[in-house]
Amino acid sequence: MKLKHYLALTFSVSLSVLHCEILPAYALPGQSIKTVIQWSRNHAKIPPLTSVKKLEEGYPDYSSKTSFKKYSVSFDVWINSKGIVTEEMIDARNYENNRVNLEFTKNVSAQ
């Protein structure tokens, strides 16, 4: 196995383990939002959940975001009118894969 492939495989496995570590056991649908907020305050890998100002339907009710090295991780939670979690989402992204290199020349400019 080439070193480049080995490093990529090792990194992928490490990231998968990180995802498992930050997966919130308490945030399963059916938990109260108070329980989930307390869990997030006690969790070392993500910042505590905070209330979100919903500008449109579909925004989460609570969210937390953090970044480390070249990754960003967000944790979003939706609740019903009784304060029970109905949905959650953990999103981890690599900044390098999301960035677009912009090159400007005499023939190409920003529009």
N, C-alpha and C. Protein backbone atom coordinates (compact mmCIF):
# COMPACT_ATOMS: atom_id res chain seq x y z
N MET A 1 0.86 -1.18 0.00
CA MET A 1 0.00 0.00 0.00
C MET A 1 0.90 1.24 0.00
N LYS A 2 0.60 2.18 -0.86
CA LYS A 2 1.39 3.40 -0.94
C LYS A 2 1.16 4.25 0.30
N LEU A 3 2.18 5.02 0.65
CA LEU A 3 2.10 5.86 1.85
C LEU A 3 0.93 6.83 1.77
N LYS A 4 0.71 7.42 0.59
CA LYS A 4 -0.38 8.39 0.43
C LYS A 4 -1.73 7.74 0.73
N HIS A 5 -1.95 6.53 0.20
CA HIS A 5 -3.21 5.82 0.45
C HIS A 5 -3.34 5.42 1.92
N TYR A 6 -2.21 5.02 2.51
CA TYR A 6 -2.23 4.63 3.92
C TYR A 6 -2.61 5.82 4.80
N LEU A 7 -2.00 6.98 4.52
CA LEU A 7 -2.31 8.17 5.31
C LEU A 7 -3.78 8.58 5.14
N ALA A 8 -4.29 8.49 3.91
CA ALA A 8 -5.69 8.84 3.67
C ALA A 8 -6.61 7.88 4.42
N LEU A 9 -6.29 6.59 4.39
CA LEU A 9 -7.09 5.59 5.09
C LEU A 9 -7.04 5.83 6.60
N THR A 10 -5.84 6.09 7.12
CA THR A 10 -5.68 6.36 8.55
C THR A 10 -6.48 7.58 8.96
N PHE A 11 -6.42 8.64 8.14
CA PHE A 11 -7.15 9.86 8.44
C PHE A 11 -8.65 9.60 8.42
N SER A 12 -9.13 8.85 7.42
CA SER A 12 -10.56 8.55 7.31
C SER A 12 -11.05 7.76 8.53
N VAL A 13 -10.26 6.79 8.95
CA VAL A 13 -10.63 6.00 10.12
C VAL A 13 -10.66 6.90 11.36
N SER A 14 -9.66 7.79 11.49
CA SER A 14 -9.62 8.70 12.64
C SER A 14 -10.83 9.61 12.66
N LEU A 15 -11.23 10.14 11.49
CA LEU A 15 -12.39 11.01 11.42
C LEU A 15 -13.66 10.24 11.75
N SER A 16 -13.75 8.99 11.30
CA SER A 16 -14.92 8.16 11.62
C SER A 16 -15.02 7.93 13.12
N VAL A 17 -13.89 7.69 13.77
CA VAL A 17 -13.89 7.50 15.22
C VAL A 17 -14.33 8.78 15.90
N LEU A 18 -13.85 9.94 15.41
CA LEU A 18 -14.27 11.22 15.98
C LEU A 18 -15.78 11.38 15.85
N HIS A 19 -16.34 11.03 14.71
CA HIS A 19 -17.79 11.15 14.52
C HIS A 19 -18.52 10.29 15.54
N CYS A 20 -18.01 9.09 15.81
CA CYS A 20 -18.66 8.23 16.79
C CYS A 20 -18.56 8.82 18.19
N GLU A 21 -17.42 9.46 18.49
CA GLU A 21 -17.25 10.04 19.81
C GLU A 21 -18.18 11.22 20.04
N ILE A 22 -18.46 12.01 19.00
CA ILE A 22 -19.30 13.19 19.22
C ILE A 22 -20.78 12.91 18.99
N LEU A 23 -21.11 11.71 18.54
CA LEU A 23 -22.51 11.39 18.33
C LEU A 23 -23.25 11.42 19.66
N PRO A 24 -24.25 12.26 19.80
CA PRO A 24 -24.89 12.44 21.10
C PRO A 24 -25.89 11.34 21.43
N ALA A 25 -25.59 10.57 22.44
CA ALA A 25 -26.47 9.48 22.84
C ALA A 25 -27.81 10.02 23.34
N TYR A 26 -27.80 11.19 23.98
CA TYR A 26 -29.02 11.72 24.56
C TYR A 26 -29.90 12.45 23.55
N ALA A 27 -29.38 12.78 22.39
CA ALA A 27 -30.13 13.61 21.46
C ALA A 27 -31.04 12.80 20.55
N LEU A 28 -31.29 11.59 20.88
CA LEU A 28 -32.21 10.79 20.09
C LEU A 28 -33.60 11.37 20.20
N PRO A 29 -34.37 11.30 19.13
CA PRO A 29 -35.75 11.80 19.21
C PRO A 29 -36.48 11.18 20.41
N GLY A 30 -37.21 12.04 21.10
CA GLY A 30 -37.94 11.60 22.28
C GLY A 30 -37.34 12.12 23.57
N GLN A 31 -36.09 12.59 23.53
CA GLN A 31 -35.46 13.18 24.71
C GLN A 31 -35.95 14.61 24.89
N SER A 32 -35.95 15.09 26.12
CA SER A 32 -36.32 16.49 26.35
C SER A 32 -35.14 17.38 25.97
N ILE A 33 -35.44 18.61 25.54
CA ILE A 33 -34.38 19.53 25.15
C ILE A 33 -33.51 19.89 26.35
N LYS A 34 -34.07 19.91 27.56
CA LYS A 34 -33.28 20.19 28.75
C LYS A 34 -32.19 19.14 28.94
N THR A 35 -32.53 17.88 28.71
CA THR A 35 -31.56 16.79 28.83
C THR A 35 -30.45 16.95 27.80
N VAL A 36 -30.83 17.29 26.57
CA VAL A 36 -29.85 17.43 25.48
C VAL A 36 -28.94 18.63 25.72
N ILE A 37 -29.50 19.74 26.20
CA ILE A 37 -28.69 20.92 26.49
C ILE A 37 -27.70 20.60 27.61
N GLN A 38 -28.15 19.93 28.65
CA GLN A 38 -27.25 19.56 29.74
C GLN A 38 -26.15 18.64 29.23
N TRP A 39 -26.50 17.69 28.37
CA TRP A 39 -25.48 16.81 27.79
C TRP A 39 -24.46 17.62 27.01
N SER A 40 -24.91 18.58 26.21
CA SER A 40 -23.97 19.36 25.40
C SER A 40 -23.06 20.23 26.27
N ARG A 41 -23.56 20.68 27.41
CA ARG A 41 -22.72 21.47 28.34
C ARG A 41 -21.62 20.61 28.95
N ASN A 42 -21.91 19.33 29.14
CA ASN A 42 -20.95 18.42 29.76
C ASN A 42 -20.03 17.75 28.75
N HIS A 43 -20.27 17.93 27.46
CA HIS A 43 -19.52 17.24 26.43
C HIS A 43 -18.27 18.03 26.07
N ALA A 44 -17.14 17.34 25.98
CA ALA A 44 -15.87 18.01 25.73
C ALA A 44 -15.63 18.35 24.25
N LYS A 45 -16.30 17.68 23.33
CA LYS A 45 -15.98 17.83 21.91
C LYS A 45 -16.79 18.89 21.18
N ILE A 46 -17.92 19.31 21.73
CA ILE A 46 -18.74 20.32 21.05
C ILE A 46 -19.13 21.41 22.04
N PRO A 47 -19.33 22.63 21.55
CA PRO A 47 -19.80 23.68 22.45
C PRO A 47 -21.26 23.46 22.82
N PRO A 48 -21.72 24.06 23.91
CA PRO A 48 -23.11 23.89 24.34
C PRO A 48 -24.10 24.38 23.28
N LEU A 49 -25.24 23.73 23.23
CA LEU A 49 -26.30 24.16 22.32
C LEU A 49 -26.84 25.52 22.75
N THR A 50 -27.16 26.34 21.78
CA THR A 50 -27.79 27.62 22.05
C THR A 50 -29.04 27.75 21.19
N SER A 51 -29.97 28.55 21.65
CA SER A 51 -31.22 28.77 20.93
C SER A 51 -30.93 29.51 19.63
N VAL A 52 -31.66 29.16 18.57
CA VAL A 52 -31.47 29.77 17.25
C VAL A 52 -32.65 30.68 16.94
N LYS A 53 -32.38 31.85 16.41
CA LYS A 53 -33.45 32.74 15.95
C LYS A 53 -33.91 32.21 14.60
N LYS A 54 -35.13 31.69 14.55
CA LYS A 54 -35.63 31.07 13.33
C LYS A 54 -36.14 32.13 12.36
N LEU A 55 -35.40 32.32 11.28
CA LEU A 55 -35.79 33.29 10.26
C LEU A 55 -36.82 32.72 9.30
N GLU A 56 -36.79 31.41 9.12
CA GLU A 56 -37.73 30.71 8.24
C GLU A 56 -38.05 29.36 8.84
N GLU A 57 -39.10 28.76 8.35
CA GLU A 57 -39.44 27.40 8.75
C GLU A 57 -38.32 26.48 8.26
N GLY A 58 -37.95 25.52 9.08
CA GLY A 58 -36.90 24.58 8.69
C GLY A 58 -35.59 24.80 9.42
N TYR A 59 -35.41 26.00 9.99
CA TYR A 59 -34.20 26.24 10.77
C TYR A 59 -34.27 25.40 12.04
N PRO A 60 -33.11 24.96 12.57
CA PRO A 60 -33.14 24.21 13.83
C PRO A 60 -33.54 25.13 14.99
N ASP A 61 -34.01 24.51 16.06
CA ASP A 61 -34.37 25.28 17.26
C ASP A 61 -33.14 25.57 18.12
N TYR A 62 -32.18 24.65 18.13
CA TYR A 62 -30.94 24.80 18.89
C TYR A 62 -29.78 24.35 18.01
N SER A 63 -28.62 24.99 18.22
CA SER A 63 -27.47 24.68 17.38
C SER A 63 -26.18 24.96 18.12
N SER A 64 -25.13 24.27 17.73
CA SER A 64 -23.77 24.61 18.18
C SER A 64 -22.83 24.34 17.03
N LYS A 65 -21.78 25.14 16.95
CA LYS A 65 -20.80 25.00 15.88
C LYS A 65 -19.41 25.15 16.46
N THR A 66 -18.48 24.39 15.91
CA THR A 66 -17.09 24.49 16.30
C THR A 66 -16.22 24.13 15.11
N SER A 67 -14.97 24.47 15.18
CA SER A 67 -14.04 24.08 14.13
C SER A 67 -12.71 23.73 14.78
N PHE A 68 -12.01 22.82 14.14
CA PHE A 68 -10.68 22.45 14.58
C PHE A 68 -9.90 22.03 13.36
N LYS A 69 -8.64 22.49 13.34
CA LYS A 69 -7.77 22.28 12.18
C LYS A 69 -8.51 22.72 10.94
N LYS A 70 -8.76 21.82 10.00
CA LYS A 70 -9.43 22.22 8.76
C LYS A 70 -10.87 21.70 8.69
N TYR A 71 -11.45 21.36 9.83
CA TYR A 71 -12.81 20.81 9.86
C TYR A 71 -13.75 21.71 10.64
N SER A 72 -15.01 21.70 10.23
CA SER A 72 -16.05 22.36 11.00
C SER A 72 -17.09 21.31 11.36
N VAL A 73 -17.62 21.42 12.55
CA VAL A 73 -18.65 20.48 13.02
C VAL A 73 -19.81 21.29 13.56
N SER A 74 -21.02 20.98 13.07
CA SER A 74 -22.20 21.63 13.61
C SER A 74 -23.16 20.56 14.13
N PHE A 75 -23.87 20.91 15.18
CA PHE A 75 -24.83 20.02 15.81
C PHE A 75 -26.14 20.80 15.92
N ASP A 76 -27.16 20.36 15.20
CA ASP A 76 -28.45 21.04 15.16
C ASP A 76 -29.54 20.13 15.71
N VAL A 77 -30.48 20.74 16.45
CA VAL A 77 -31.57 19.99 17.07
C VAL A 77 -32.89 20.71 16.82
N TRP A 78 -33.90 19.94 16.43
CA TRP A 78 -35.26 20.46 16.25
C TRP A 78 -36.14 19.87 17.34
N ILE A 79 -37.05 20.69 17.87
CA ILE A 79 -37.95 20.21 18.93
C ILE A 79 -39.40 20.51 18.55
N ASN A 80 -40.32 19.83 19.25
CA ASN A 80 -41.74 20.13 19.05
C ASN A 80 -42.20 21.14 20.10
N SER A 81 -43.48 21.45 20.13
CA SER A 81 -44.00 22.47 21.04
C SER A 81 -43.90 22.06 22.51
N LYS A 82 -43.72 20.77 22.78
CA LYS A 82 -43.59 20.28 24.16
C LYS A 82 -42.13 20.23 24.63
N GLY A 83 -41.19 20.65 23.77
CA GLY A 83 -39.78 20.63 24.16
C GLY A 83 -39.12 19.28 24.01
N ILE A 84 -39.69 18.42 23.18
CA ILE A 84 -39.14 17.09 22.93
C ILE A 84 -38.41 17.10 21.59
N VAL A 85 -37.22 16.50 21.57
CA VAL A 85 -36.42 16.45 20.34
C VAL A 85 -37.13 15.60 19.30
N THR A 86 -37.30 16.18 18.11
CA THR A 86 -37.92 15.44 17.01
C THR A 86 -36.91 15.07 15.93
N GLU A 87 -35.80 15.82 15.86
CA GLU A 87 -34.81 15.58 14.82
C GLU A 87 -33.48 16.18 15.25
N GLU A 88 -32.40 15.60 14.76
CA GLU A 88 -31.07 16.12 15.03
C GLU A 88 -30.20 15.93 13.80
N MET A 89 -29.14 16.72 13.72
CA MET A 89 -28.20 16.56 12.61
C MET A 89 -26.80 16.96 13.07
N ILE A 90 -25.84 16.09 12.79
CA ILE A 90 -24.44 16.41 13.01
C ILE A 90 -23.80 16.50 11.63
N ASP A 91 -23.13 17.61 11.37
CA ASP A 91 -22.54 17.85 10.06
C ASP A 91 -21.06 18.17 10.24
N ALA A 92 -20.20 17.34 9.69
CA ALA A 92 -18.75 17.58 9.75
C ALA A 92 -18.26 17.81 8.33
N ARG A 93 -17.52 18.89 8.12
CA ARG A 93 -17.04 19.24 6.78
C ARG A 93 -15.57 19.58 6.81
N ASN A 94 -14.92 19.24 5.70
CA ASN A 94 -13.52 19.57 5.49
C ASN A 94 -13.47 20.88 4.73
N TYR A 95 -12.87 21.92 5.33
CA TYR A 95 -12.79 23.23 4.68
C TYR A 95 -12.10 23.15 3.32
N GLU A 96 -11.05 22.35 3.22
CA GLU A 96 -10.28 22.29 1.98
C GLU A 96 -11.13 21.78 0.82
N ASN A 97 -12.04 20.86 1.08
CA ASN A 97 -12.89 20.34 0.00
C ASN A 97 -13.99 21.31 -0.39
N ASN A 98 -14.33 22.26 0.48
CA ASN A 98 -15.42 23.19 0.20
C ASN A 98 -14.96 24.49 -0.42
N ARG A 99 -13.68 24.79 -0.31
CA ARG A 99 -13.18 26.06 -0.83
C ARG A 99 -12.94 25.99 -2.33
N VAL A 100 -13.30 27.06 -2.99
CA VAL A 100 -13.08 27.17 -4.43
C VAL A 100 -11.96 28.18 -4.63
N ASN A 101 -10.94 27.77 -5.38
CA ASN A 101 -9.85 28.69 -5.67
C ASN A 101 -10.30 29.65 -6.76
N LEU A 102 -10.22 30.93 -6.48
CA LEU A 102 -10.60 31.94 -7.45
C LEU A 102 -9.35 32.50 -8.10
N GLU A 103 -9.31 32.45 -9.41
CA GLU A 103 -8.18 33.00 -10.14
C GLU A 103 -8.71 34.07 -11.08
N PHE A 104 -8.13 35.24 -11.00
CA PHE A 104 -8.55 36.34 -11.85
C PHE A 104 -7.43 36.68 -12.82
N THR A 105 -7.78 36.79 -14.08
CA THR A 105 -6.83 37.17 -15.12
C THR A 105 -7.43 38.32 -15.90
N LYS A 106 -6.72 38.74 -16.93
CA LYS A 106 -7.26 39.82 -17.78
C LYS A 106 -8.53 39.38 -18.48
N ASN A 107 -8.65 38.08 -18.75
CA ASN A 107 -9.81 37.57 -19.49
C ASN A 107 -10.94 37.11 -18.58
N VAL A 108 -10.65 36.88 -17.31
CA VAL A 108 -11.66 36.37 -16.38
C VAL A 108 -11.74 37.32 -15.18
N SER A 109 -12.94 37.75 -14.85
CA SER A 109 -13.11 38.62 -13.69
C SER A 109 -14.36 38.22 -12.93
N ALA A 110 -14.48 38.71 -11.73
CA ALA A 110 -15.67 38.41 -10.92
C ALA A 110 -16.86 39.16 -11.50
N GLN A 111 -17.98 38.50 -11.59
CA GLN A 111 -19.20 39.12 -12.12
C GLN A 111 -20.18 39.32 -11.00
